[in-house]
Each structure stands twice: as C-alpha cells, then as structure tokens.
Amino acid sequence: MLKTRLPMKLSPEEELFLRQWIYDEAHYQDGQGPAKRLQLERRIPPADMALLIAAAIPDPAAQEAASLSPASPQTARWPWSPNDFHKRLAEARTILEG
C-alpha cells in the first residue's frame, strides 16, 4: 500500500516561484524564463528545485497544470535566503524519506 504524505507547506511566494519554475523548465527551449534565470544565477542544481517540487506539489496533474501556464513571470523573485533554501531542502528530504 502506498503511503500518502502530507505535502510540504509553502509560503505563497514559494508556491508562485516553484510553479513559475515548473513552467520555465517545461518551456526552456522557448527561452530562459525568470524563475529559471534566478535558479541559474544562484547556481542551484535543477535537482534541488525538483526535490522541493516533489515534496510540496506531489500531484503529477498539478505539476502538469503548472507547466501549461506561467504563474507570475513579471513578479518572479527568489523567495529564499541562502540559509533558508538549504533548510527547506532538508525539510523536503525528510518529507520524501518519511
């Protein structure tokens, strides 16, 4: 039997950013989107972003929906300090290992 986990709670800013990142990643051949650019500027591996998404937005249908329309391309901003990002990654790992 599959264990159902409660998704990681996101702030509204984190959710907007991750949804925009999903869209940017799905449309990367069309050009670098704002969330993807911010991720690359901070030298964050895409796998780390995927880990946060897996913990916070585990439903494949919700991920697909995010890939179909931009969340907030004009207002995309990085919602984490360096220390906060690493704490959130650790939290995501704990949730996924749970």
PDB file of N, CA and C in Angstrom:
ATOM      1  N   MET A   1       0.847  -1.182   0.000  1.00  0.00           N
ATOM      2  CA  MET A   1       0.000   0.000   0.000  1.00  0.00           C
ATOM      3  C   MET A   1       0.893   1.246   0.000  1.00  0.00           C
ATOM      4  N   LEU A   2       0.556   2.199  -0.820  1.00  0.00           N
ATOM      5  CA  LEU A   2       1.317   3.441  -0.884  1.00  0.00           C
ATOM      6  C   LEU A   2       1.044   4.308   0.331  1.00  0.00           C
ATOM      7  N   LYS A   3       2.096   4.877   0.868  1.00  0.00           N
ATOM      8  CA  LYS A   3       1.934   5.846   1.946  1.00  0.00           C
ATOM      9  C   LYS A   3       1.597   7.192   1.335  1.00  0.00           C
ATOM     10  N   THR A   4       0.590   7.822   1.868  1.00  0.00           N
ATOM     11  CA  THR A   4       0.316   9.184   1.415  1.00  0.00           C
ATOM     12  C   THR A   4       0.927  10.136   2.421  1.00  0.00           C
ATOM     13  N   ARG A   5       1.683  11.058   1.907  1.00  0.00           N
ATOM     14  CA  ARG A   5       2.350  12.042   2.754  1.00  0.00           C
ATOM     15  C   ARG A   5       1.645  13.368   2.611  1.00  0.00           C
ATOM     16  N   LEU A   6       1.654  14.101   3.688  1.00  0.00           N
ATOM     17  CA  LEU A   6       1.167  15.464   3.585  1.00  0.00           C
ATOM     18  C   LEU A   6       2.211  16.272   2.838  1.00  0.00           C
ATOM     19  N   PRO A   7       1.795  17.082   1.888  1.00  0.00           N
ATOM     20  CA  PRO A   7       2.783  17.884   1.156  1.00  0.00           C
ATOM     21  C   PRO A   7       3.433  18.929   2.057  1.00  0.00           C
ATOM     22  N   MET A   8       4.615  19.306   1.685  1.00  0.00           N
ATOM     23  CA  MET A   8       5.343  20.359   2.384  1.00  0.00           C
ATOM     24  C   MET A   8       4.551  21.649   2.250  1.00  0.00           C
ATOM     25  N   LYS A   9       4.404  22.365   3.333  1.00  0.00           N
ATOM     26  CA  LYS A   9       3.687  23.652   3.295  1.00  0.00           C
ATOM     27  C   LYS A   9       4.611  24.706   2.695  1.00  0.00           C
ATOM     28  N   LEU A  10       4.054  25.461   1.777  1.00  0.00           N
ATOM     29  CA  LEU A  10       4.805  26.537   1.121  1.00  0.00           C
ATOM     30  C   LEU A  10       4.203  27.887   1.476  1.00  0.00           C
ATOM     31  N   SER A  11       5.059  28.896   1.514  1.00  0.00           N
ATOM     32  CA  SER A  11       4.540  30.263   1.596  1.00  0.00           C
ATOM     33  C   SER A  11       3.963  30.583   0.221  1.00  0.00           C
ATOM     34  N   PRO A  12       3.091  31.591   0.127  1.00  0.00           N
ATOM     35  CA  PRO A  12       2.568  31.972  -1.194  1.00  0.00           C
ATOM     36  C   PRO A  12       3.684  32.327  -2.181  1.00  0.00           C
ATOM     37  N   GLU A  13       4.738  32.976  -1.693  1.00  0.00           N
ATOM     38  CA  GLU A  13       5.856  33.355  -2.570  1.00  0.00           C
ATOM     39  C   GLU A  13       6.597  32.122  -3.078  1.00  0.00           C
ATOM     40  N   GLU A  14       6.794  31.135  -2.194  1.00  0.00           N
ATOM     41  CA  GLU A  14       7.472  29.905  -2.616  1.00  0.00           C
ATOM     42  C   GLU A  14       6.643  29.167  -3.662  1.00  0.00           C
ATOM     43  N   GLU A  15       5.348  29.076  -3.423  1.00  0.00           N
ATOM     44  CA  GLU A  15       4.490  28.370  -4.365  1.00  0.00           C
ATOM     45  C   GLU A  15       4.479  29.056  -5.729  1.00  0.00           C
ATOM     46  N   LEU A  16       4.334  30.375  -5.750  1.00  0.00           N
ATOM     47  CA  LEU A  16       4.370  31.094  -7.025  1.00  0.00           C
ATOM     48  C   LEU A  16       5.686  30.859  -7.754  1.00  0.00           C
ATOM     49  N   PHE A  17       6.781  30.927  -7.002  1.00  0.00           N
ATOM     50  CA  PHE A  17       8.080  30.747  -7.634  1.00  0.00           C
ATOM     51  C   PHE A  17       8.219  29.335  -8.205  1.00  0.00           C
ATOM     52  N   LEU A  18       7.873  28.315  -7.410  1.00  0.00           N
ATOM     53  CA  LEU A  18       8.025  26.940  -7.886  1.00  0.00           C
ATOM     54  C   LEU A  18       7.120  26.658  -9.079  1.00  0.00           C
ATOM     55  N   ARG A  19       5.912  27.185  -9.060  1.00  0.00           N
ATOM     56  CA  ARG A  19       5.031  26.997 -10.221  1.00  0.00           C
ATOM     57  C   ARG A  19       5.589  27.695 -11.462  1.00  0.00           C
ATOM     58  N   GLN A  20       6.167  28.878 -11.282  1.00  0.00           N
ATOM     59  CA  GLN A  20       6.798  29.569 -12.410  1.00  0.00           C
ATOM     60  C   GLN A  20       8.019  28.787 -12.888  1.00  0.00           C
ATOM     61  N   TRP A  21       8.767  28.210 -11.947  1.00  0.00           N
ATOM     62  CA  TRP A  21       9.952  27.430 -12.320  1.00  0.00           C
ATOM     63  C   TRP A  21       9.548  26.210 -13.134  1.00  0.00           C
ATOM     64  N   ILE A  22       8.467  25.541 -12.727  1.00  0.00           N
ATOM     65  CA  ILE A  22       7.973  24.389 -13.490  1.00  0.00           C
ATOM     66  C   ILE A  22       7.653  24.826 -14.927  1.00  0.00           C
ATOM     67  N   TYR A  23       6.951  25.936 -15.053  1.00  0.00           N
ATOM     68  CA  TYR A  23       6.611  26.455 -16.376  1.00  0.00           C
ATOM     69  C   TYR A  23       7.879  26.780 -17.174  1.00  0.00           C
ATOM     70  N   ASP A  24       8.799  27.488 -16.556  1.00  0.00           N
ATOM     71  CA  ASP A  24      10.040  27.862 -17.239  1.00  0.00           C
ATOM     72  C   ASP A  24      10.809  26.630 -17.694  1.00  0.00           C
ATOM     73  N   GLU A  25      10.870  25.632 -16.846  1.00  0.00           N
ATOM     74  CA  GLU A  25      11.609  24.408 -17.178  1.00  0.00           C
ATOM     75  C   GLU A  25      10.940  23.686 -18.351  1.00  0.00           C
ATOM     76  N   ALA A  26       9.616  23.637 -18.334  1.00  0.00           N
ATOM     77  CA  ALA A  26       8.888  22.962 -19.412  1.00  0.00           C
ATOM     78  C   ALA A  26       9.008  23.706 -20.746  1.00  0.00           C
ATOM     79  N   HIS A  27       9.274  25.001 -20.682  1.00  0.00           N
ATOM     80  CA  HIS A  27       9.339  25.826 -21.895  1.00  0.00           C
ATOM     81  C   HIS A  27      10.746  26.395 -22.120  1.00  0.00           C
ATOM     82  N   TYR A  28      11.745  25.711 -21.641  1.00  0.00           N
ATOM     83  CA  TYR A  28      13.114  26.218 -21.706  1.00  0.00           C
ATOM     84  C   TYR A  28      13.579  26.456 -23.145  1.00  0.00           C
ATOM     85  N   GLN A  29      13.102  25.636 -24.079  1.00  0.00           N
ATOM     86  CA  GLN A  29      13.510  25.825 -25.477  1.00  0.00           C
ATOM     87  C   GLN A  29      12.978  27.131 -26.062  1.00  0.00           C
ATOM     88  N   ASP A  30      11.975  27.703 -25.431  1.00  0.00           N
ATOM     89  CA  ASP A  30      11.421  28.983 -25.880  1.00  0.00           C
ATOM     90  C   ASP A  30      12.217  30.172 -25.346  1.00  0.00           C
ATOM     91  N   GLY A  31      13.158  29.912 -24.480  1.00  0.00           N
ATOM     92  CA  GLY A  31      13.949  30.965 -23.857  1.00  0.00           C
ATOM     93  C   GLY A  31      13.927  30.810 -22.344  1.00  0.00           C
ATOM     94  N   GLN A  32      14.915  31.390 -21.729  1.00  0.00           N
ATOM     95  CA  GLN A  32      15.057  31.277 -20.279  1.00  0.00           C
ATOM     96  C   GLN A  32      14.011  32.137 -19.569  1.00  0.00           C
ATOM     97  N   GLY A  33      13.166  31.503 -18.776  1.00  0.00           N
ATOM     98  CA  GLY A  33      12.154  32.241 -18.026  1.00  0.00           C
ATOM     99  C   GLY A  33      12.745  32.856 -16.769  1.00  0.00           C
ATOM    100  N   PRO A  34      11.989  33.721 -16.096  1.00  0.00           N
ATOM    101  CA  PRO A  34      12.514  34.453 -14.941  1.00  0.00           C
ATOM    102  C   PRO A  34      12.875  33.569 -13.749  1.00  0.00           C
ATOM    103  N   ALA A  35      12.087  32.565 -13.454  1.00  0.00           N
ATOM    104  CA  ALA A  35      12.398  31.699 -12.310  1.00  0.00           C
ATOM    105  C   ALA A  35      13.617  30.830 -12.627  1.00  0.00           C
ATOM    106  N   LYS A  36      13.695  30.329 -13.828  1.00  0.00           N
ATOM    107  CA  LYS A  36      14.857  29.523 -14.241  1.00  0.00           C
ATOM    108  C   LYS A  36      16.119  30.370 -14.180  1.00  0.00           C
ATOM    109  N   ARG A  37      16.026  31.625 -14.644  1.00  0.00           N
ATOM    110  CA  ARG A  37      17.183  32.517 -14.611  1.00  0.00           C
ATOM    111  C   ARG A  37      17.667  32.720 -13.165  1.00  0.00           C
ATOM    112  N   LEU A  38      16.722  32.955 -12.245  1.00  0.00           N
ATOM    113  CA  LEU A  38      17.092  33.165 -10.844  1.00  0.00           C
ATOM    114  C   LEU A  38      17.744  31.915 -10.246  1.00  0.00           C
ATOM    115  N   GLN A  39      17.240  30.755 -10.607  1.00  0.00           N
ATOM    116  CA  GLN A  39      17.842  29.499 -10.136  1.00  0.00           C
ATOM    117  C   GLN A  39      19.273  29.372 -10.646  1.00  0.00           C
ATOM    118  N   LEU A  40      19.483  29.647 -11.918  1.00  0.00           N
ATOM    119  CA  LEU A  40      20.821  29.534 -12.502  1.00  0.00           C
ATOM    120  C   LEU A  40      21.785  30.568 -11.921  1.00  0.00           C
ATOM    121  N   GLU A  41      21.298  31.786 -11.683  1.00  0.00           N
ATOM    122  CA  GLU A  41      22.150  32.826 -11.094  1.00  0.00           C
ATOM    123  C   GLU A  41      22.681  32.404  -9.728  1.00  0.00           C
ATOM    124  N   ARG A  42      21.891  31.632  -8.998  1.00  0.00           N
ATOM    125  CA  ARG A  42      22.290  31.193  -7.652  1.00  0.00           C
ATOM    126  C   ARG A  42      23.022  29.856  -7.666  1.00  0.00           C
ATOM    127  N   ARG A  43      23.215  29.324  -8.873  1.00  0.00           N
ATOM    128  CA  ARG A  43      23.917  28.053  -9.053  1.00  0.00           C
ATOM    129  C   ARG A  43      23.279  26.920  -8.252  1.00  0.00           C
ATOM    130  N   ILE A  44      21.965  26.912  -8.265  1.00  0.00           N
ATOM    131  CA  ILE A  44      21.201  25.863  -7.605  1.00  0.00           C
ATOM    132  C   ILE A  44      20.946  24.781  -8.647  1.00  0.00           C
ATOM    133  N   PRO A  45      21.295  23.537  -8.343  1.00  0.00           N
ATOM    134  CA  PRO A  45      21.036  22.458  -9.306  1.00  0.00           C
ATOM    135  C   PRO A  45      19.537  22.266  -9.536  1.00  0.00           C
ATOM    136  N   PRO A  46      19.141  21.977 -10.763  1.00  0.00           N
ATOM    137  CA  PRO A  46      17.728  21.720 -11.034  1.00  0.00           C
ATOM    138  C   PRO A  46      17.173  20.590 -10.165  1.00  0.00           C
ATOM    139  N   ALA A  47      18.018  19.634  -9.819  1.00  0.00           N
ATOM    140  CA  ALA A  47      17.564  18.526  -8.965  1.00  0.00           C
ATOM    141  C   ALA A  47      17.091  19.023  -7.604  1.00  0.00           C
ATOM    142  N   ASP A  48      17.694  20.094  -7.091  1.00  0.00           N
ATOM    143  CA  ASP A  48      17.245  20.655  -5.810  1.00  0.00           C
ATOM    144  C   ASP A  48      15.857  21.276  -5.957  1.00  0.00           C
ATOM    145  N   MET A  49      15.613  21.926  -7.072  1.00  0.00           N
ATOM    146  CA  MET A  49      14.295  22.504  -7.315  1.00  0.00           C
ATOM    147  C   MET A  49      13.264  21.374  -7.442  1.00  0.00           C
ATOM    148  N   ALA A  50      13.642  20.325  -8.150  1.00  0.00           N
ATOM    149  CA  ALA A  50      12.746  19.179  -8.321  1.00  0.00           C
ATOM    150  C   ALA A  50      12.423  18.516  -6.985  1.00  0.00           C
ATOM    151  N   LEU A  51      13.387  18.479  -6.085  1.00  0.00           N
ATOM    152  CA  LEU A  51      13.165  17.911  -4.754  1.00  0.00           C
ATOM    153  C   LEU A  51      12.107  18.718  -3.996  1.00  0.00           C
ATOM    154  N   LEU A  52      12.223  20.034  -4.044  1.00  0.00           N
ATOM    155  CA  LEU A  52      11.220  20.884  -3.392  1.00  0.00           C
ATOM    156  C   LEU A  52       9.837  20.663  -4.012  1.00  0.00           C
ATOM    157  N   ILE A  53       9.792  20.567  -5.317  1.00  0.00           N
ATOM    158  CA  ILE A  53       8.515  20.360  -6.005  1.00  0.00           C
ATOM    159  C   ILE A  53       7.918  19.006  -5.640  1.00  0.00           C
ATOM    160  N   ALA A  54       8.740  17.976  -5.611  1.00  0.00           N
ATOM    161  CA  ALA A  54       8.240  16.642  -5.259  1.00  0.00           C
ATOM    162  C   ALA A  54       7.643  16.621  -3.858  1.00  0.00           C
ATOM    163  N   ALA A  55       8.233  17.365  -2.935  1.00  0.00           N
ATOM    164  CA  ALA A  55       7.737  17.396  -1.561  1.00  0.00           C
ATOM    165  C   ALA A  55       6.522  18.300  -1.402  1.00  0.00           C
ATOM    166  N   ALA A  56       6.469  19.381  -2.168  1.00  0.00           N
ATOM    167  CA  ALA A  56       5.420  20.385  -1.967  1.00  0.00           C
ATOM    168  C   ALA A  56       4.249  20.259  -2.946  1.00  0.00           C
ATOM    169  N   ILE A  57       4.540  19.790  -4.144  1.00  0.00           N
ATOM    170  CA  ILE A  57       3.495  19.662  -5.178  1.00  0.00           C
ATOM    171  C   ILE A  57       3.592  18.239  -5.741  1.00  0.00           C
ATOM    172  N   PRO A  58       3.251  17.228  -4.926  1.00  0.00           N
ATOM    173  CA  PRO A  58       3.479  15.844  -5.339  1.00  0.00           C
ATOM    174  C   PRO A  58       2.529  15.325  -6.418  1.00  0.00           C
ATOM    175  N   ASP A  59       1.421  15.997  -6.634  1.00  0.00           N
ATOM    176  CA  ASP A  59       0.439  15.536  -7.606  1.00  0.00           C
ATOM    177  C   ASP A  59       0.918  15.811  -9.028  1.00  0.00           C
ATOM    178  N   PRO A  60       1.135  14.752  -9.833  1.00  0.00           N
ATOM    179  CA  PRO A  60       1.588  14.964 -11.210  1.00  0.00           C
ATOM    180  C   PRO A  60       0.643  15.854 -12.031  1.00  0.00           C
ATOM    181  N   ALA A  61      -0.653  15.769 -11.769  1.00  0.00           N
ATOM    182  CA  ALA A  61      -1.602  16.609 -12.513  1.00  0.00           C
ATOM    183  C   ALA A  61      -1.403  18.082 -12.163  1.00  0.00           C
ATOM    184  N   ALA A  62      -1.103  18.385 -10.908  1.00  0.00           N
ATOM    185  CA  ALA A  62      -0.842  19.776 -10.504  1.00  0.00           C
ATOM    186  C   ALA A  62       0.461  20.269 -11.124  1.00  0.00           C
ATOM    187  N   GLN A  63       1.456  19.402 -11.211  1.00  0.00           N
ATOM    188  CA  GLN A  63       2.714  19.782 -11.854  1.00  0.00           C
ATOM    189  C   GLN A  63       2.499  20.034 -13.340  1.00  0.00           C
ATOM    190  N   GLU A  64       1.712  19.180 -13.971  1.00  0.00           N
ATOM    191  CA  GLU A  64       1.430  19.372 -15.391  1.00  0.00           C
ATOM    192  C   GLU A  64       0.665  20.675 -15.617  1.00  0.00           C
ATOM    193  N   ALA A  65      -0.308  20.955 -14.757  1.00  0.00           N
ATOM    194  CA  ALA A  65      -1.064  22.205 -14.885  1.00  0.00           C
ATOM    195  C   ALA A  65      -0.135  23.410 -14.766  1.00  0.00           C
ATOM    196  N   ALA A  66       0.829  23.343 -13.848  1.00  0.00           N
ATOM    197  CA  ALA A  66       1.785  24.445 -13.693  1.00  0.00           C
ATOM    198  C   ALA A  66       2.639  24.612 -14.945  1.00  0.00           C
ATOM    199  N   SER A  67       2.887  23.519 -15.646  1.00  0.00           N
ATOM    200  CA  SER A  67       3.728  23.594 -16.850  1.00  0.00           C
ATOM    201  C   SER A  67       3.009  24.228 -18.028  1.00  0.00           C
ATOM    202  N   LEU A  68       1.689  24.365 -17.925  1.00  0.00           N
ATOM    203  CA  LEU A  68       0.903  24.852 -19.056  1.00  0.00           C
ATOM    204  C   LEU A  68       0.688  26.363 -19.086  1.00  0.00           C
ATOM    205  N   SER A  69       0.782  27.005 -17.922  1.00  0.00           N
ATOM    206  CA  SER A  69       0.598  28.458 -17.919  1.00  0.00           C
ATOM    207  C   SER A  69       1.510  29.092 -16.879  1.00  0.00           C
ATOM    208  N   PRO A  70       2.112  30.234 -17.220  1.00  0.00           N
ATOM    209  CA  PRO A  70       3.034  30.878 -16.276  1.00  0.00           C
ATOM    210  C   PRO A  70       2.295  31.345 -15.022  1.00  0.00           C
ATOM    211  N   ALA A  71       2.985  31.234 -13.893  1.00  0.00           N
ATOM    212  CA  ALA A  71       2.394  31.645 -12.612  1.00  0.00           C
ATOM    213  C   ALA A  71       2.441  33.159 -12.466  1.00  0.00           C
ATOM    214  N   SER A  72       3.635  33.719 -12.590  1.00  0.00           N
ATOM    215  CA  SER A  72       3.794  35.169 -12.399  1.00  0.00           C
ATOM    216  C   SER A  72       5.123  35.621 -12.988  1.00  0.00           C
ATOM    217  N   PRO A  73       5.286  35.540 -14.295  1.00  0.00           N
ATOM    218  CA  PRO A  73       6.592  35.849 -14.870  1.00  0.00           C
ATOM    219  C   PRO A  73       7.099  37.253 -14.577  1.00  0.00           C
ATOM    220  N   GLN A  74       6.199  38.221 -14.454  1.00  0.00           N
ATOM    221  CA  GLN A  74       6.652  39.591 -14.208  1.00  0.00           C
ATOM    222  C   GLN A  74       7.095  39.801 -12.754  1.00  0.00           C
ATOM    223  N   THR A  75       6.584  38.985 -11.860  1.00  0.00           N
ATOM    224  CA  THR A  75       6.888  39.206 -10.440  1.00  0.00           C
ATOM    225  C   THR A  75       7.740  38.097  -9.840  1.00  0.00           C
ATOM    226  N   ALA A  76       8.299  37.222 -10.662  1.00  0.00           N
ATOM    227  CA  ALA A  76       9.125  36.137 -10.136  1.00  0.00           C
ATOM    228  C   ALA A  76      10.303  36.713  -9.363  1.00  0.00           C
ATOM    229  N   ARG A  77      10.417  36.278  -8.120  1.00  0.00           N
ATOM    230  CA  ARG A  77      11.576  36.669  -7.309  1.00  0.00           C
ATOM    231  C   ARG A  77      11.959  35.476  -6.461  1.00  0.00           C
ATOM    232  N   TRP A  78      13.241  35.383  -6.144  1.00  0.00           N
ATOM    233  CA  TRP A  78      13.762  34.271  -5.355  1.00  0.00           C
ATOM    234  C   TRP A  78      13.251  34.413  -3.920  1.00  0.00           C
ATOM    235  N   PRO A  79      12.473  33.449  -3.425  1.00  0.00           N
ATOM    236  CA  PRO A  79      11.835  33.626  -2.119  1.00  0.00           C
ATOM    237  C   PRO A  79      12.640  33.149  -0.905  1.00  0.00           C
ATOM    238  N   TRP A  80      13.895  32.744  -1.102  1.00  0.00           N
ATOM    239  CA  TRP A  80      14.679  32.190   0.000  1.00  0.00           C
ATOM    240  C   TRP A  80      16.009  32.915   0.177  1.00  0.00           C
ATOM    241  N   SER A  81      16.427  33.045   1.441  1.00  0.00           N
ATOM    242  CA  SER A  81      17.813  33.428   1.700  1.00  0.00           C
ATOM    243  C   SER A  81      18.629  32.151   1.500  1.00  0.00           C
ATOM    244  N   PRO A  82      19.960  32.247   1.350  1.00  0.00           N
ATOM    245  CA  PRO A  82      20.746  31.014   1.168  1.00  0.00           C
ATOM    246  C   PRO A  82      20.519  29.997   2.288  1.00  0.00           C
ATOM    247  N   ASN A  83      20.494  30.461   3.511  1.00  0.00           N
ATOM    248  CA  ASN A  83      20.301  29.549   4.637  1.00  0.00           C
ATOM    249  C   ASN A  83      18.901  28.948   4.619  1.00  0.00           C
ATOM    250  N   ASP A  84      17.901  29.760   4.330  1.00  0.00           N
ATOM    251  CA  ASP A  84      16.516  29.274   4.275  1.00  0.00           C
ATOM    252  C   ASP A  84      16.340  28.217   3.192  1.00  0.00           C
ATOM    253  N   PHE A  85      16.977  28.419   2.046  1.00  0.00           N
ATOM    254  CA  PHE A  85      16.842  27.452   0.962  1.00  0.00           C
ATOM    255  C   PHE A  85      17.348  26.089   1.399  1.00  0.00           C
ATOM    256  N   HIS A  86      18.488  26.055   2.067  1.00  0.00           N
ATOM    257  CA  HIS A  86      19.053  24.775   2.500  1.00  0.00           C
ATOM    258  C   HIS A  86      18.207  24.127   3.589  1.00  0.00           C
ATOM    259  N   LYS A  87      17.590  24.930   4.438  1.00  0.00           N
ATOM    260  CA  LYS A  87      16.667  24.390   5.448  1.00  0.00           C
ATOM    261  C   LYS A  87      15.445  23.773   4.772  1.00  0.00           C
ATOM    262  N   ARG A  88      14.935  24.459   3.749  1.00  0.00           N
ATOM    263  CA  ARG A  88      13.763  23.943   3.041  1.00  0.00           C
ATOM    264  C   ARG A  88      14.101  22.647   2.287  1.00  0.00           C
ATOM    265  N   LEU A  89      15.312  22.565   1.747  1.00  0.00           N
ATOM    266  CA  LEU A  89      15.739  21.334   1.085  1.00  0.00           C
ATOM    267  C   LEU A  89      15.787  20.178   2.082  1.00  0.00           C
ATOM    268  N   ALA A  90      16.339  20.433   3.267  1.00  0.00           N
ATOM    269  CA  ALA A  90      16.407  19.407   4.304  1.00  0.00           C
ATOM    270  C   ALA A  90      15.002  18.967   4.706  1.00  0.00           C
ATOM    271  N   GLU A  91      14.093  19.926   4.813  1.00  0.00           N
ATOM    272  CA  GLU A  91      12.701  19.607   5.144  1.00  0.00           C
ATOM    273  C   GLU A  91      12.077  18.749   4.049  1.00  0.00           C
ATOM    274  N   ALA A  92      12.318  19.074   2.797  1.00  0.00           N
ATOM    275  CA  ALA A  92      11.791  18.305   1.684  1.00  0.00           C
ATOM    276  C   ALA A  92      12.331  16.875   1.717  1.00  0.00           C
ATOM    277  N   ARG A  93      13.617  16.718   1.971  1.00  0.00           N
ATOM    278  CA  ARG A  93      14.206  15.376   2.044  1.00  0.00           C
ATOM    279  C   ARG A  93      13.543  14.553   3.148  1.00  0.00           C
ATOM    280  N   THR A  94      13.329  15.179   4.303  1.00  0.00           N
ATOM    281  CA  THR A  94      12.687  14.481   5.415  1.00  0.00           C
ATOM    282  C   THR A  94      11.290  14.031   5.033  1.00  0.00           C
ATOM    283  N   ILE A  95      10.536  14.893   4.395  1.00  0.00           N
ATOM    284  CA  ILE A  95       9.172  14.557   3.969  1.00  0.00           C
ATOM    285  C   ILE A  95       9.197  13.390   2.976  1.00  0.00           C
ATOM    286  N   LEU A  96      10.088  13.441   2.019  1.00  0.00           N
ATOM    287  CA  LEU A  96      10.138  12.419   0.980  1.00  0.00           C
ATOM    288  C   LEU A  96      10.675  11.080   1.500  1.00  0.00           C
ATOM    289  N   GLU A  97      11.528  11.129   2.487  1.00  0.00           N
ATOM    290  CA  GLU A  97      12.065   9.894   3.077  1.00  0.00           C
ATOM    291  C   GLU A  97      11.074   9.261   4.043  1.00  0.00           C
ATOM    292  N   GLY A  98      10.168  10.121   4.601  1.00  0.00           N
ATOM    293  CA  GLY A  98       9.198   9.775   5.617  1.00  0.00           C
ATOM    294  C   GLY A  98       8.616   8.447   5.530  1.00  0.00           C
TER     295      GLY A  98
END
